[in-house]
C-alpha atoms as a PDB file:
ATOM      1  CA  MET A   1      84.198 130.654 108.750  1.00  0.00           C
ATOM      2  CA  LYS A   2      87.571 131.169 110.327  1.00  0.00           C
ATOM      3  CA  LYS A   3      88.374 127.430 110.148  1.00  0.00           C
ATOM      4  CA  TYR A   4      87.774 127.464 106.457  1.00  0.00           C
ATOM      5  CA  LYS A   5      89.876 130.504 105.904  1.00  0.00           C
ATOM      6  CA  VAL A   6      92.794 128.698 107.699  1.00  0.00           C
ATOM      7  CA  LEU A   7      92.156 125.612 105.684  1.00  0.00           C
ATOM      8  CA  ILE A   8      92.208 127.507 102.277  1.00  0.00           C
ATOM      9  CA  ALA A   9      95.344 129.452 103.407  1.00  0.00           C
ATOM     10  CA  GLY A  10      97.065 126.294 104.265  1.00  0.00           C
ATOM     11  CA  ILE A  11      96.219 124.673 100.868  1.00  0.00           C
ATOM     12  CA  VAL A  12      97.415 127.770  99.008  1.00  0.00           C
ATOM     13  CA  ILE A  13     100.777 127.588 100.987  1.00  0.00           C
ATOM     14  CA  LEU A  14     101.099 123.880 100.119  1.00  0.00           C
ATOM     15  CA  VAL A  15     100.587 124.399  96.428  1.00  0.00           C
ATOM     16  CA  VAL A  16     102.959 127.316  96.223  1.00  0.00           C
ATOM     17  CA  SER A  17     105.599 125.389  98.276  1.00  0.00           C
ATOM     18  CA  LEU A  18     105.240 122.403  95.764  1.00  0.00           C
ATOM     19  CA  LEU A  19     105.540 124.721  92.749  1.00  0.00           C
ATOM     20  CA  LEU A  20     108.705 126.125  94.184  1.00  0.00           C
ATOM     21  CA  LEU A  21     110.211 122.770  94.803  1.00  0.00           C
ATOM     22  CA  ILE A  22     109.588 121.745  91.162  1.00  0.00           C
ATOM     23  CA  VAL A  23     111.201 124.880  89.814  1.00  0.00           C
ATOM     24  CA  VAL A  24     114.230 124.586  92.171  1.00  0.00           C
ATOM     25  CA  PHE A  25     114.738 120.749  91.788  1.00  0.00           C
ATOM     26  CA  LYS A  26     113.385 120.110  88.284  1.00  0.00           C
ATOM     27  CA  ASP A  27     116.795 118.996  86.945  1.00  0.00           C
ATOM     28  CA  ARG A  28     116.950 116.357  89.797  1.00  0.00           C
ATOM     29  CA  LEU A  29     113.456 114.859  89.292  1.00  0.00           C
ATOM     30  CA  PRO A  30     113.206 111.280  87.830  1.00  0.00           C
ATOM     31  CA  PHE A  31     113.260 110.832  84.078  1.00  0.00           C
ATOM     32  CA  LYS A  32     109.501 111.181  83.470  1.00  0.00           C
ATOM     33  CA  GLU A  33     109.232 113.100  80.189  1.00  0.00           C
ATOM     34  CA  LYS A  34     106.420 111.960  78.045  1.00  0.00           C
ATOM     35  CA  LEU A  35     107.693 109.450  75.359  1.00  0.00           C
ATOM     36  CA  VAL A  36     106.417 109.656  71.804  1.00  0.00           C
ATOM     37  CA  LYS A  37     105.104 106.251  70.741  1.00  0.00           C
ATOM     38  CA  ASN A  38     105.890 105.001  67.242  1.00  0.00           C
ATOM     39  CA  THR A  39     103.193 103.410  65.041  1.00  0.00           C
ATOM     40  CA  LEU A  40     103.683  99.830  64.153  1.00  0.00           C
ATOM     41  CA  GLU A  41     104.769 100.830  60.583  1.00  0.00           C
ATOM     42  CA  VAL A  42     107.452 103.212  61.891  1.00  0.00           C
ATOM     43  CA  GLU A  43     108.682 100.723  64.570  1.00  0.00           C
ATOM     44  CA  SER A  44     109.312  98.177  61.934  1.00  0.00           C
ATOM     45  CA  MET A  45     111.553 100.554  60.031  1.00  0.00           C
ATOM     46  CA  VAL A  46     114.313 100.662  62.561  1.00  0.00           C
ATOM     47  CA  ASP A  47     115.929  97.447  64.234  1.00  0.00           C
ATOM     48  CA  ILE A  48     118.296  98.233  67.062  1.00  0.00           C
ATOM     49  CA  THR A  49     120.512  95.218  67.020  1.00  0.00           C
ATOM     50  CA  GLN A  50     123.025  96.593  69.709  1.00  0.00           C
ATOM     51  CA  SER A  51     122.530  98.939  72.559  1.00  0.00           C
ATOM     52  CA  GLU A  52     125.240  98.893  75.245  1.00  0.00           C
ATOM     53  CA  ALA A  53     127.825 100.975  76.762  1.00  0.00           C
ATOM     54  CA  SER A  54     131.275 100.319  78.433  1.00  0.00           C
ATOM     55  CA  ALA A  55     132.514 102.244  81.504  1.00  0.00           C
ATOM     56  CA  PHE A  56     136.233 102.871  82.033  1.00  0.00           C
ATOM     57  CA  VAL A  57     137.994 104.935  84.782  1.00  0.00           C
ATOM     58  CA  PHE A  58     140.704 107.335  83.495  1.00  0.00           C
ATOM     59  CA  ALA A  59     142.760 110.149  84.810  1.00  0.00           C
ATOM     60  CA  THR A  60     143.845 113.606  83.607  1.00  0.00           C
ATOM     61  CA  GLN A  61     147.115 114.831  84.926  1.00  0.00           C
ATOM     62  CA  GLU A  62     146.441 118.213  86.342  1.00  0.00           C
ATOM     63  CA  SER A  63     149.683 118.185  88.223  1.00  0.00           C
ATOM     64  CA  SER A  64     151.951 115.670  89.941  1.00  0.00           C
ATOM     65  CA  GLN A  65     149.797 116.157  93.064  1.00  0.00           C
ATOM     66  CA  ASP A  66     146.611 116.058  91.299  1.00  0.00           C
ATOM     67  CA  HIS A  67     145.627 113.252  89.039  1.00  0.00           C
ATOM     68  CA  ARG A  68     141.894 113.875  88.502  1.00  0.00           C
ATOM     69  CA  LEU A  69     139.673 110.805  87.975  1.00  0.00           C
ATOM     70  CA  HIS A  70     136.706 110.429  85.564  1.00  0.00           C
ATOM     71  CA  ILE A  71     134.632 107.672  84.057  1.00  0.00           C
ATOM     72  CA  ASN A  72     134.205 107.438  80.367  1.00  0.00           C
ATOM     73  CA  PHE A  73     131.210 105.676  78.837  1.00  0.00           C
ATOM     74  CA  THR A  74     131.640 104.475  75.321  1.00  0.00           C
ATOM     75  CA  PRO A  75     128.083 103.561  73.659  1.00  0.00           C
ATOM     76  CA  PHE A  76     127.796 100.715  71.254  1.00  0.00           C
ATOM     77  CA  LEU A  77     124.723 101.556  69.255  1.00  0.00           C
ATOM     78  CA  THR A  78     123.747  99.945  66.006  1.00  0.00           C
ATOM     79  CA  LEU A  79     120.580 100.809  64.127  1.00  0.00           C
ATOM     80  CA  ASN A  80     119.701  98.821  61.114  1.00  0.00           C
ATOM     81  CA  VAL A  81     117.571 100.818  58.420  1.00  0.00           C
ATOM     82  CA  ASP A  82     117.077  98.794  55.249  1.00  0.00           C
ATOM     83  CA  GLU A  83     113.812  99.926  53.581  1.00  0.00           C
ATOM     84  CA  GLU A  84     113.983 103.679  53.626  1.00  0.00           C
ATOM     85  CA  LYS A  85     116.835 106.407  53.663  1.00  0.00           C
ATOM     86  CA  ILE A  86     117.054 108.760  56.520  1.00  0.00           C
ATOM     87  CA  SER A  87     117.599 112.482  56.272  1.00  0.00           C
ATOM     88  CA  GLU A  88     118.221 113.475  59.878  1.00  0.00           C
ATOM     89  CA  LEU A  89     119.455 111.707  63.040  1.00  0.00           C
ATOM     90  CA  TYR A  90     119.631 112.962  66.536  1.00  0.00           C
ATOM     91  CA  ILE A  91     120.660 111.977  70.052  1.00  0.00           C
ATOM     92  CA  GLU A  92     118.703 114.136  72.383  1.00  0.00           C
ATOM     93  CA  ASN A  93     117.161 114.853  75.677  1.00  0.00           C
ATOM     94  CA  PHE A  94     120.270 113.323  77.424  1.00  0.00           C
ATOM     95  CA  LYS A  95     120.055 112.986  81.265  1.00  0.00           C
ATOM     96  CA  GLY A  96     122.508 111.465  83.753  1.00  0.00           C
ATOM     97  CA  GLU A  97     122.458 111.126  87.473  1.00  0.00           C
ATOM     98  CA  SER A  98     125.218 110.121  89.927  1.00  0.00           C
ATOM     99  CA  ASP A  99     126.153 111.104  93.357  1.00  0.00           C
ATOM    100  CA  ALA A 100     129.916 111.215  92.356  1.00  0.00           C
ATOM    101  CA  GLY A 101     129.922 114.207  89.913  1.00  0.00           C
ATOM    102  CA  ASN A 102     128.486 115.746  86.699  1.00  0.00           C
ATOM    103  CA  ILE A 103     127.684 113.577  83.707  1.00  0.00           C
ATOM    104  CA  LEU A 104     128.331 115.150  80.437  1.00  0.00           C
ATOM    105  CA  LEU A 105     127.127 114.247  76.909  1.00  0.00           C
ATOM    106  CA  ILE A 106     130.258 114.205  74.693  1.00  0.00           C
ATOM    107  CA  HIS A 107     129.659 115.259  71.026  1.00  0.00           C
ATOM    108  CA  PRO A 108     131.571 113.867  68.104  1.00  0.00           C
ATOM    109  CA  THR A 109     133.713 116.124  66.162  1.00  0.00           C
ATOM    110  CA  SER A 110     134.620 116.553  62.449  1.00  0.00           C
ATOM    111  CA  LEU A 111     137.897 114.614  63.089  1.00  0.00           C
ATOM    112  CA  SER A 112     138.592 112.120  60.264  1.00  0.00           C
ATOM    113  CA  THR A 113     137.668 108.551  61.118  1.00  0.00           C
ATOM    114  CA  ASP A 114     141.019 107.507  59.604  1.00  0.00           C
ATOM    115  CA  THR A 115     142.802 109.277  62.406  1.00  0.00           C
ATOM    116  CA  VAL A 116     145.104 106.900  64.198  1.00  0.00           C
ATOM    117  CA  GLY A 117     144.119 107.095  67.771  1.00  0.00           C
ATOM    118  CA  ARG A 118     141.793 109.743  69.406  1.00  0.00           C
ATOM    119  CA  THR A 119     140.804 110.971  72.852  1.00  0.00           C
ATOM    120  CA  PHE A 120     137.543 110.352  74.574  1.00  0.00           C
ATOM    121  CA  LEU A 121     136.618 113.825  73.271  1.00  0.00           C
ATOM    122  CA  PHE A 122     136.996 112.820  69.622  1.00  0.00           C
ATOM    123  CA  THR A 123     140.225 114.941  69.305  1.00  0.00           C
ATOM    124  CA  GLN A 124     143.624 113.993  68.383  1.00  0.00           C
ATOM    125  CA  THR A 125     145.829 112.432  71.066  1.00  0.00           C
ATOM    126  CA  SER A 126     148.228 115.311  70.642  1.00  0.00           C
ATOM    127  CA  GLU A 127     145.680 117.559  72.341  1.00  0.00           C
ATOM    128  CA  LEU A 128     146.295 116.969  76.018  1.00  0.00           C
ATOM    129  CA  MET A 129     143.182 116.305  77.996  1.00  0.00           C
ATOM    130  CA  LYS A 130     142.641 118.242  81.292  1.00  0.00           C
ATOM    131  CA  SER A 131     139.603 118.474  83.504  1.00  0.00           C
ATOM    132  CA  GLU A 132     138.818 121.932  82.203  1.00  0.00           C
ATOM    133  CA  THR A 133     138.829 120.551  78.622  1.00  0.00           C
ATOM    134  CA  ILE A 134     136.188 117.963  79.303  1.00  0.00           C
ATOM    135  CA  THR A 135     133.033 119.965  78.385  1.00  0.00           C
ATOM    136  CA  SER A 136     129.712 119.342  76.583  1.00  0.00           C
ATOM    137  CA  LYS A 137     127.967 121.265  73.729  1.00  0.00           C
ATOM    138  CA  GLY A 138     124.523 120.406  75.244  1.00  0.00           C
ATOM    139  CA  GLU A 139     122.065 117.686  75.692  1.00  0.00           C
ATOM    140  CA  SER A 140     121.451 117.030  71.993  1.00  0.00           C
ATOM    141  CA  ILE A 141     123.541 116.032  68.946  1.00  0.00           C
ATOM    142  CA  LYS A 142     122.508 116.495  65.326  1.00  0.00           C
ATOM    143  CA  TYR A 143     124.495 114.273  62.876  1.00  0.00           C
ATOM    144  CA  GLU A 144     125.459 114.899  59.310  1.00  0.00           C
ATOM    145  CA  VAL A 145     123.728 112.323  57.282  1.00  0.00           C
ATOM    146  CA  VAL A 146     125.837 110.977  54.368  1.00  0.00           C
ATOM    147  CA  SER A 147     126.248 108.032  52.018  1.00  0.00           C
ATOM    148  CA  GLU A 148     129.869 107.425  53.103  1.00  0.00           C
ATOM    149  CA  ILE A 149     131.272 108.161  56.520  1.00  0.00           C
ATOM    150  CA  THR A 150     134.644 110.104  56.663  1.00  0.00           C
ATOM    151  CA  LYS A 151     134.167 112.005  60.000  1.00  0.00           C
ATOM    152  CA  TYR A 152     133.059 111.117  63.496  1.00  0.00           C
ATOM    153  CA  ASN A 153     129.939 113.457  63.417  1.00  0.00           C
ATOM    154  CA  GLN A 154     128.532 111.705  60.455  1.00  0.00           C
ATOM    155  CA  VAL A 155     126.132 108.695  59.988  1.00  0.00           C
ATOM    156  CA  LEU A 156     125.108 106.609  57.117  1.00  0.00           C
ATOM    157  CA  ASN A 157     121.787 107.361  55.373  1.00  0.00           C
ATOM    158  CA  THR A 158     120.812 103.689  55.286  1.00  0.00           C
ATOM    159  CA  GLY A 159     122.040 100.141  56.320  1.00  0.00           C
ATOM    160  CA  SER A 160     123.840  99.696  59.523  1.00  0.00           C
ATOM    161  CA  ILE A 161     123.956 103.037  61.312  1.00  0.00           C
ATOM    162  CA  THR A 162     126.443 103.511  64.237  1.00  0.00           C
ATOM    163  CA  PRO A 163     126.470 107.145  65.732  1.00  0.00           C
ATOM    164  CA  TYR A 164     129.671 108.114  67.698  1.00  0.00           C
ATOM    165  CA  PHE A 165     129.101 109.824  70.974  1.00  0.00           C
ATOM    166  CA  GLY A 166     129.992 109.400  74.589  1.00  0.00           C
ATOM    167  CA  PHE A 167     129.342 110.312  78.234  1.00  0.00           C
ATOM    168  CA  ILE A 168     131.870 111.357  80.883  1.00  0.00           C
ATOM    169  CA  LEU A 169     131.243 111.365  84.677  1.00  0.00           C
ATOM    170  CA  LYS A 170     133.611 114.147  85.547  1.00  0.00           C
ATOM    171  CA  ASP A 171     135.865 114.794  88.573  1.00  0.00           C
ATOM    172  CA  ILE A 172     134.957 111.816  90.782  1.00  0.00           C
ATOM    173  CA  GLY A 173     138.010 112.014  92.741  1.00  0.00           C
ATOM    174  CA  THR A 174     141.741 112.863  92.853  1.00  0.00           C
ATOM    175  CA  VAL A 175     144.985 111.088  93.506  1.00  0.00           C
ATOM    176  CA  ASN A 176     148.356 112.630  94.711  1.00  0.00           C
ATOM    177  CA  TYR A 177     150.854 110.967  92.419  1.00  0.00           C
ATOM    178  CA  GLU A 178     153.831 112.177  94.133  1.00  0.00           C
ATOM    179  CA  GLN A 179     152.688 111.233  97.599  1.00  0.00           C
ATOM    180  CA  ILE A 180     151.811 107.530  96.552  1.00  0.00           C
ATOM    181  CA  LEU A 181     155.059 107.201  94.602  1.00  0.00           C
ATOM    182  CA  GLU A 182     157.142 108.321  97.550  1.00  0.00           C
ATOM    183  CA  ARG A 183     155.144 105.931  99.939  1.00  0.00           C
ATOM    184  CA  ASP A 184     155.165 102.871  97.824  1.00  0.00           C
ATOM    185  CA  ASP A 185     158.106 103.356  95.386  1.00  0.00           C
ATOM    186  CA  VAL A 186     155.863 102.484  92.485  1.00  0.00           C
ATOM    187  CA  PHE A 187     152.515 103.871  91.125  1.00  0.00           C
ATOM    188  CA  GLU A 188     150.198 101.304  89.628  1.00  0.00           C
ATOM    189  CA  GLY A 189     147.788 102.770  87.097  1.00  0.00           C
ATOM    190  CA  SER A 190     145.279 100.054  87.713  1.00  0.00           C
ATOM    191  CA  LYS A 191     144.839 101.062  91.306  1.00  0.00           C
ATOM    192  CA  TYR A 192     143.515 104.615  90.753  1.00  0.00           C
ATOM    193  CA  LEU A 193     140.140 103.802  92.507  1.00  0.00           C
ATOM    194  CA  GLU A 194     141.954 102.183  95.304  1.00  0.00           C
ATOM    195  CA  TYR A 195     144.393 105.231  95.698  1.00  0.00           C
ATOM    196  CA  SER A 196     141.534 107.631  95.651  1.00  0.00           C
ATOM    197  CA  LYS A 197     139.535 105.974  98.353  1.00  0.00           C
ATOM    198  CA  ILE A 198     136.341 106.945  96.580  1.00  0.00           C
ATOM    199  CA  ASP A 199     133.002 105.587  97.931  1.00  0.00           C
ATOM    200  CA  ILE A 200     132.257 103.108  95.267  1.00  0.00           C
ATOM    201  CA  ALA A 201     128.487 103.173  96.054  1.00  0.00           C
ATOM    202  CA  LYS A 202     128.505 106.895  94.812  1.00  0.00           C
ATOM    203  CA  LEU A 203     129.677 105.713  91.400  1.00  0.00           C
ATOM    204  CA  ASN A 204     126.157 104.187  90.568  1.00  0.00           C
ATOM    205  CA  THR A 205     125.173 106.142  87.495  1.00  0.00           C
ATOM    206  CA  ASP A 206     121.942 106.401  85.504  1.00  0.00           C
ATOM    207  CA  ILE A 207     121.899 107.434  81.884  1.00  0.00           C
ATOM    208  CA  GLN A 208     118.976 108.114  79.492  1.00  0.00           C
ATOM    209  CA  PHE A 209     118.681 109.563  76.048  1.00  0.00           C
ATOM    210  CA  ASP A 210     116.399 109.550  72.966  1.00  0.00           C
ATOM    211  CA  ILE A 211     117.128 108.614  69.479  1.00  0.00           C
ATOM    212  CA  ARG A 212     115.234 110.477  66.799  1.00  0.00           C
ATOM    213  CA  ILE A 213     115.407 109.507  63.071  1.00  0.00           C
ATOM    214  CA  VAL A 214     113.663 111.534  60.389  1.00  0.00           C
ATOM    215  CA  PHE A 215     113.213 109.609  57.181  1.00  0.00           C
ATOM    216  CA  GLU A 216     113.296 111.027  53.656  1.00  0.00           C
ATOM    217  CA  ASN A 217     109.620 110.191  53.295  1.00  0.00           C
ATOM    218  CA  GLY A 218     108.830 112.322  56.320  1.00  0.00           C
ATOM    219  CA  LYS A 219     108.186 109.675  58.923  1.00  0.00           C
ATOM    220  CA  VAL A 220     109.775 110.028  62.302  1.00  0.00           C
ATOM    221  CA  TYR A 221     111.111 107.327  64.579  1.00  0.00           C
ATOM    222  CA  VAL A 222     111.801 107.958  68.319  1.00  0.00           C
ATOM    223  CA  LYS A 223     113.211 105.542  70.848  1.00  0.00           C
ATOM    224  CA  ARG A 224     114.354 106.185  74.420  1.00  0.00           C
ATOM    225  CA  LEU A 225     117.183 104.218  75.860  1.00  0.00           C
ATOM    226  CA  ARG A 226     118.195 103.996  79.519  1.00  0.00           C
ATOM    227  CA  GLY A 227     121.062 102.286  81.308  1.00  0.00           C
ATOM    228  CA  THR A 228     122.597 102.083  84.909  1.00  0.00           C
ATOM    229  CA  LEU A 229     126.178 101.427  85.976  1.00  0.00           C
ATOM    230  CA  ASP A 230     126.560  99.509  89.191  1.00  0.00           C
ATOM    231  CA  GLY A 231     129.629 101.171  90.733  1.00  0.00           C
ATOM    232  CA  GLU A 232     130.764  97.955  92.469  1.00  0.00           C
ATOM    233  CA  LYS A 233     131.551  96.363  89.161  1.00  0.00           C
ATOM    234  CA  LEU A 234     134.421  98.860  88.693  1.00  0.00           C
ATOM    235  CA  LYS A 235     136.165  97.218  91.516  1.00  0.00           C
ATOM    236  CA  THR A 236     136.343  93.850  89.715  1.00  0.00           C
ATOM    237  CA  GLU A 237     136.044  94.831  85.999  1.00  0.00           C
ATOM    238  CA  ILE A 238     138.300  97.051  84.109  1.00  0.00           C
ATOM    239  CA  SER A 239     135.484  97.952  81.635  1.00  0.00           C
ATOM    240  CA  PRO A 240     132.137  96.729  82.733  1.00  0.00           C
ATOM    241  CA  LEU A 241     129.406  96.707  80.152  1.00  0.00           C
ATOM    242  CA  ILE A 242     126.046  98.291  80.570  1.00  0.00           C
ATOM    243  CA  THR A 243     122.834  97.308  78.721  1.00  0.00           C
ATOM    244  CA  LEU A 244     121.027 100.360  77.241  1.00  0.00           C
ATOM    245  CA  GLU A 245     117.341  99.123  77.529  1.00  0.00           C
ATOM    246  CA  LYS A 246     114.471 100.453  75.436  1.00  0.00           C
ATOM    247  CA  VAL A 247     112.043 102.370  77.475  1.00  0.00           C
ATOM    248  CA  GLU A 248     108.333 101.729  76.572  1.00  0.00           C
ATOM    249  CA  GLU A 249     106.125 104.185  78.459  1.00  0.00           C
END
């Protein structure tokens, strides 16, 4: 009887420990949320003709001793909807993982698409970017659906739909501009990664998000996309391209 009590106590402790681990590390668990599967009819209503993202290292000048490095990801997402008009479109359930820093979903703003030049935050270039200004409004974006686009936070209600958004891997390293300029007599902007001595392997980045489209007839389309940046590519390519693949689970 004593052996059984010890065994039961051990099982209880194991179960409690596992539950605690799930609670503590739930945000670090693999991307395993259940995916809604479209019917064949709904699947045929949307054609994803482009799903890629480019990665680009850039710096914010916090001070002459601190040029902070980040990676901007620009998605190129095109959805063709020809038969029915849509009433709602969302980018949601965003998740990103990297050993180099935090990955943020960057929301589009009401800035006019006619604006000449903009920052990675969908703001005017006159608004100076700093590390502290790189923030996110959450893991989901709701777009304004219109018949003619005039702002970055809008999408068309039919035809070729290209939602604006972005991701930023924040604060991956720092470079002392003054120190390097004094040492080399020149500072080359193309050598930020080299100057920072970042462990390139840590820049491997996984990104995942869902697209949800609600049609005027009430039907709902959901698709999950996932992509991976190989950090090594940043050593040889200025802006490596990442394929955002459809996740069928």
